[in-house]
């Protein structure tokens, strides 16, 4: 699920400054990599780097499901579903 479907273009300088701030946050949480705060910071840096590389620079949809930031697995099964024989690969 994406927050929006059409990329919104932005000035590269704005994305660059935002990326600088999120990298500082990521550095502050580096000592606690298992925390939600660190996962959010790490995810934001990856996403902002993708936004920065876009041509033109834009807020592109993230490929990472939001629930992974809370520590849930990438693939979620519906309640009461039978066990999988071949679980999907994780990233």
N, C-alpha and C. Protein backbone atom coordinates (compact mmCIF):
# COMPACT_ATOMS: atom_id res chain seq x y z
N UNK A 1 0.85 -1.17 0.00
CA UNK A 1 0.00 0.00 0.00
C UNK A 1 0.90 1.24 0.00
N UNK A 2 0.57 2.17 -0.85
CA UNK A 2 1.33 3.41 -0.95
C UNK A 2 0.50 4.56 -0.41
N UNK A 3 1.20 5.54 0.15
CA UNK A 3 0.54 6.73 0.66
C UNK A 3 -0.03 7.53 -0.52
N UNK A 4 0.72 7.62 -1.60
CA UNK A 4 0.28 8.32 -2.81
C UNK A 4 0.83 7.55 -3.99
N UNK A 5 0.20 7.72 -5.14
CA UNK A 5 0.61 6.94 -6.30
C UNK A 5 1.42 7.73 -7.31
N UNK A 6 1.29 9.03 -7.33
CA UNK A 6 2.01 9.86 -8.28
C UNK A 6 3.15 10.57 -7.57
N UNK A 7 4.39 10.41 -8.05
CA UNK A 7 5.50 11.11 -7.40
C UNK A 7 5.32 12.63 -7.43
N UNK A 8 5.61 13.27 -6.33
CA UNK A 8 5.57 14.73 -6.24
C UNK A 8 6.99 15.25 -6.37
N UNK A 9 7.23 16.11 -7.36
CA UNK A 9 8.58 16.62 -7.56
C UNK A 9 8.92 17.67 -6.51
N UNK A 10 10.20 17.71 -6.15
CA UNK A 10 10.72 18.67 -5.17
C UNK A 10 12.08 19.15 -5.64
N UNK A 11 12.50 20.27 -5.10
CA UNK A 11 13.86 20.75 -5.37
C UNK A 11 14.85 19.78 -4.74
N UNK A 12 15.90 19.44 -5.47
CA UNK A 12 16.92 18.51 -4.98
C UNK A 12 17.52 19.01 -3.65
N UNK A 13 17.67 20.32 -3.50
CA UNK A 13 18.24 20.88 -2.27
C UNK A 13 17.37 20.57 -1.05
N UNK A 14 16.06 20.57 -1.24
CA UNK A 14 15.15 20.26 -0.11
C UNK A 14 15.30 18.81 0.30
N UNK A 15 15.33 17.92 -0.68
CA UNK A 15 15.50 16.50 -0.36
C UNK A 15 16.88 16.28 0.27
N UNK A 16 17.89 16.94 -0.23
CA UNK A 16 19.25 16.79 0.30
C UNK A 16 19.32 17.23 1.76
N UNK A 17 18.71 18.35 2.09
CA UNK A 17 18.71 18.83 3.48
C UNK A 17 17.93 17.88 4.39
N UNK A 18 16.79 17.40 3.92
CA UNK A 18 15.99 16.46 4.71
C UNK A 18 16.77 15.16 4.92
N UNK A 19 17.46 14.71 3.89
CA UNK A 19 18.28 13.51 3.98
C UNK A 19 19.41 13.71 4.99
N UNK A 20 20.02 14.88 5.01
CA UNK A 20 21.08 15.17 5.97
C UNK A 20 20.55 15.06 7.40
N UNK A 21 19.36 15.57 7.65
CA UNK A 21 18.77 15.52 8.99
C UNK A 21 18.43 14.07 9.39
N UNK A 22 17.89 13.29 8.46
CA UNK A 22 17.55 11.91 8.78
C UNK A 22 18.81 11.06 8.98
N UNK A 23 19.87 11.37 8.25
CA UNK A 23 21.14 10.65 8.48
C UNK A 23 21.67 10.93 9.89
N UNK A 24 21.49 12.16 10.35
CA UNK A 24 21.90 12.50 11.72
C UNK A 24 21.07 11.71 12.73
N UNK A 25 19.76 11.58 12.47
CA UNK A 25 18.91 10.77 13.35
C UNK A 25 19.35 9.32 13.34
N UNK A 26 19.67 8.80 12.14
CA UNK A 26 20.12 7.42 12.03
C UNK A 26 21.39 7.19 12.83
N UNK A 27 22.30 8.13 12.76
CA UNK A 27 23.55 8.01 13.52
C UNK A 27 23.29 7.98 15.02
N UNK A 28 22.31 8.77 15.47
CA UNK A 28 21.98 8.80 16.90
C UNK A 28 21.40 7.49 17.40
N UNK A 29 20.74 6.73 16.52
CA UNK A 29 20.13 5.47 16.94
C UNK A 29 20.95 4.25 16.55
N UNK A 30 22.14 4.45 16.01
CA UNK A 30 22.97 3.34 15.53
C UNK A 30 23.32 2.35 16.64
N UNK A 31 23.40 2.80 17.86
CA UNK A 31 23.75 1.92 18.98
C UNK A 31 22.60 1.00 19.38
N UNK A 32 21.39 1.29 18.88
CA UNK A 32 20.22 0.47 19.22
C UNK A 32 19.50 0.03 17.94
N UNK A 33 20.14 -0.83 17.13
CA UNK A 33 19.58 -1.19 15.83
C UNK A 33 18.28 -1.98 15.87
N UNK A 34 17.95 -2.60 17.00
CA UNK A 34 16.72 -3.39 17.08
C UNK A 34 15.50 -2.56 17.44
N UNK A 35 15.66 -1.26 17.61
CA UNK A 35 14.53 -0.43 18.02
C UNK A 35 13.73 0.07 16.82
N UNK A 36 12.47 0.37 17.09
CA UNK A 36 11.61 0.94 16.04
C UNK A 36 12.16 2.27 15.57
N UNK A 37 12.68 3.08 16.47
CA UNK A 37 13.24 4.38 16.08
C UNK A 37 14.36 4.20 15.07
N UNK A 38 15.23 3.24 15.28
CA UNK A 38 16.33 3.01 14.34
C UNK A 38 15.80 2.51 13.00
N UNK A 39 14.83 1.59 13.04
CA UNK A 39 14.26 1.07 11.79
C UNK A 39 13.59 2.19 10.99
N UNK A 40 12.89 3.09 11.67
CA UNK A 40 12.26 4.22 10.98
C UNK A 40 13.33 5.11 10.36
N UNK A 41 14.37 5.43 11.13
CA UNK A 41 15.44 6.28 10.61
C UNK A 41 16.12 5.63 9.41
N UNK A 42 16.41 4.35 9.52
CA UNK A 42 17.07 3.64 8.43
C UNK A 42 16.18 3.62 7.17
N UNK A 43 14.90 3.35 7.36
CA UNK A 43 13.96 3.32 6.25
C UNK A 43 13.84 4.68 5.58
N UNK A 44 13.80 5.73 6.39
CA UNK A 44 13.68 7.08 5.83
C UNK A 44 14.91 7.46 5.02
N UNK A 45 16.09 7.08 5.48
CA UNK A 45 17.32 7.38 4.73
C UNK A 45 17.30 6.65 3.39
N UNK A 46 16.93 5.38 3.40
CA UNK A 46 16.87 4.62 2.15
C UNK A 46 15.86 5.26 1.19
N UNK A 47 14.68 5.61 1.71
CA UNK A 47 13.64 6.21 0.88
C UNK A 47 14.08 7.58 0.34
N UNK A 48 14.64 8.42 1.21
CA UNK A 48 15.07 9.75 0.76
C UNK A 48 16.20 9.66 -0.26
N UNK A 49 17.07 8.67 -0.13
CA UNK A 49 18.12 8.48 -1.14
C UNK A 49 17.50 8.14 -2.49
N UNK A 50 16.44 7.33 -2.49
CA UNK A 50 15.74 7.00 -3.74
C UNK A 50 15.07 8.25 -4.30
N UNK A 51 14.50 9.07 -3.44
CA UNK A 51 13.87 10.32 -3.88
C UNK A 51 14.91 11.25 -4.49
N UNK A 52 16.07 11.31 -3.88
CA UNK A 52 17.15 12.18 -4.36
C UNK A 52 17.64 11.73 -5.74
N UNK A 53 17.72 10.40 -5.94
CA UNK A 53 18.21 9.86 -7.21
C UNK A 53 17.18 9.95 -8.34
N UNK A 54 15.91 10.13 -8.00
CA UNK A 54 14.87 10.20 -9.03
C UNK A 54 15.15 11.38 -9.97
N UNK A 55 14.72 11.22 -11.22
CA UNK A 55 14.94 12.28 -12.19
C UNK A 55 13.62 12.60 -12.87
N UNK A 56 13.01 13.74 -12.52
CA UNK A 56 13.47 14.77 -11.60
C UNK A 56 13.32 14.30 -10.15
N UNK A 57 14.02 14.97 -9.21
CA UNK A 57 13.91 14.58 -7.81
C UNK A 57 12.45 14.64 -7.37
N UNK A 58 12.00 13.58 -6.70
CA UNK A 58 10.57 13.50 -6.35
C UNK A 58 10.38 12.61 -5.14
N UNK A 59 9.23 12.75 -4.50
CA UNK A 59 8.83 11.86 -3.42
C UNK A 59 8.23 10.62 -4.08
N UNK A 60 9.04 9.60 -4.22
CA UNK A 60 8.63 8.38 -4.91
C UNK A 60 7.99 7.41 -3.91
N UNK A 61 7.07 6.56 -4.37
CA UNK A 61 6.48 5.57 -3.45
C UNK A 61 7.54 4.64 -2.90
N UNK A 62 7.44 4.34 -1.62
CA UNK A 62 8.36 3.40 -0.99
C UNK A 62 7.98 1.98 -1.37
N UNK A 63 8.98 1.13 -1.51
CA UNK A 63 8.73 -0.28 -1.80
C UNK A 63 8.61 -1.10 -0.52
N UNK A 64 8.84 -0.46 0.62
CA UNK A 64 8.81 -1.16 1.91
C UNK A 64 7.45 -0.99 2.57
N UNK A 65 6.77 -2.09 2.90
CA UNK A 65 5.50 -1.96 3.61
C UNK A 65 5.69 -1.27 4.96
N UNK A 66 4.76 -0.41 5.32
CA UNK A 66 4.89 0.36 6.56
C UNK A 66 4.97 -0.51 7.81
N UNK A 67 4.31 -1.69 7.80
CA UNK A 67 4.31 -2.51 9.00
C UNK A 67 5.68 -3.07 9.35
N UNK A 68 6.62 -3.08 8.39
CA UNK A 68 7.95 -3.60 8.71
C UNK A 68 8.69 -2.67 9.66
N UNK A 69 8.30 -1.39 9.69
CA UNK A 69 8.96 -0.45 10.59
C UNK A 69 8.68 -0.77 12.05
N UNK A 70 7.54 -1.39 12.30
CA UNK A 70 7.18 -1.78 13.67
C UNK A 70 7.76 -3.13 14.04
N UNK A 71 8.50 -3.74 13.11
CA UNK A 71 9.14 -5.02 13.40
C UNK A 71 8.36 -6.23 12.92
N UNK A 72 7.23 -6.01 12.26
CA UNK A 72 6.47 -7.14 11.73
C UNK A 72 7.18 -7.68 10.49
N UNK A 73 6.97 -8.96 10.18
CA UNK A 73 7.65 -9.52 9.01
C UNK A 73 7.16 -8.88 7.71
N UNK A 74 7.98 -9.00 6.68
CA UNK A 74 7.65 -8.43 5.38
C UNK A 74 6.35 -9.00 4.85
N UNK A 75 6.16 -10.32 5.01
CA UNK A 75 4.95 -10.97 4.51
C UNK A 75 4.06 -11.35 5.68
N UNK A 76 2.83 -10.91 5.65
CA UNK A 76 1.87 -11.22 6.70
C UNK A 76 0.82 -12.16 6.15
N UNK A 77 0.51 -13.21 6.89
CA UNK A 77 -0.55 -14.14 6.50
C UNK A 77 -1.85 -13.74 7.17
N UNK A 78 -2.99 -13.98 6.51
CA UNK A 78 -4.27 -13.71 7.15
C UNK A 78 -4.43 -14.59 8.38
N UNK A 79 -5.23 -14.15 9.36
CA UNK A 79 -5.46 -14.98 10.55
C UNK A 79 -6.04 -16.34 10.16
N UNK A 80 -5.67 -17.37 10.88
CA UNK A 80 -6.17 -18.74 10.70
C UNK A 80 -5.83 -19.34 9.33
N UNK A 81 -4.81 -18.83 8.66
CA UNK A 81 -4.42 -19.41 7.38
C UNK A 81 -3.52 -20.61 7.63
N UNK A 82 -3.54 -21.59 6.72
CA UNK A 82 -2.67 -22.76 6.91
C UNK A 82 -1.20 -22.40 6.78
N UNK A 83 -0.32 -23.19 7.37
CA UNK A 83 1.13 -22.89 7.27
C UNK A 83 1.58 -22.95 5.81
N UNK A 84 2.58 -22.17 5.51
CA UNK A 84 3.14 -22.15 4.16
C UNK A 84 4.14 -23.28 3.99
N UNK A 85 4.15 -23.85 2.80
CA UNK A 85 5.19 -24.83 2.47
C UNK A 85 6.46 -24.13 2.04
N UNK A 86 6.31 -23.06 1.29
CA UNK A 86 7.45 -22.31 0.79
C UNK A 86 7.23 -20.83 1.11
N UNK A 87 7.68 -20.38 2.28
CA UNK A 87 7.48 -18.97 2.62
C UNK A 87 8.21 -18.08 1.62
N UNK A 88 7.66 -16.89 1.36
CA UNK A 88 8.33 -15.97 0.43
C UNK A 88 9.69 -15.54 0.96
N UNK A 89 10.56 -15.22 0.04
CA UNK A 89 11.89 -14.73 0.43
C UNK A 89 11.76 -13.40 1.14
N UNK A 90 12.59 -13.19 2.13
CA UNK A 90 12.59 -11.91 2.84
C UNK A 90 13.72 -11.06 2.31
N UNK A 91 13.55 -9.76 2.43
CA UNK A 91 14.59 -8.86 1.94
C UNK A 91 15.58 -8.52 3.01
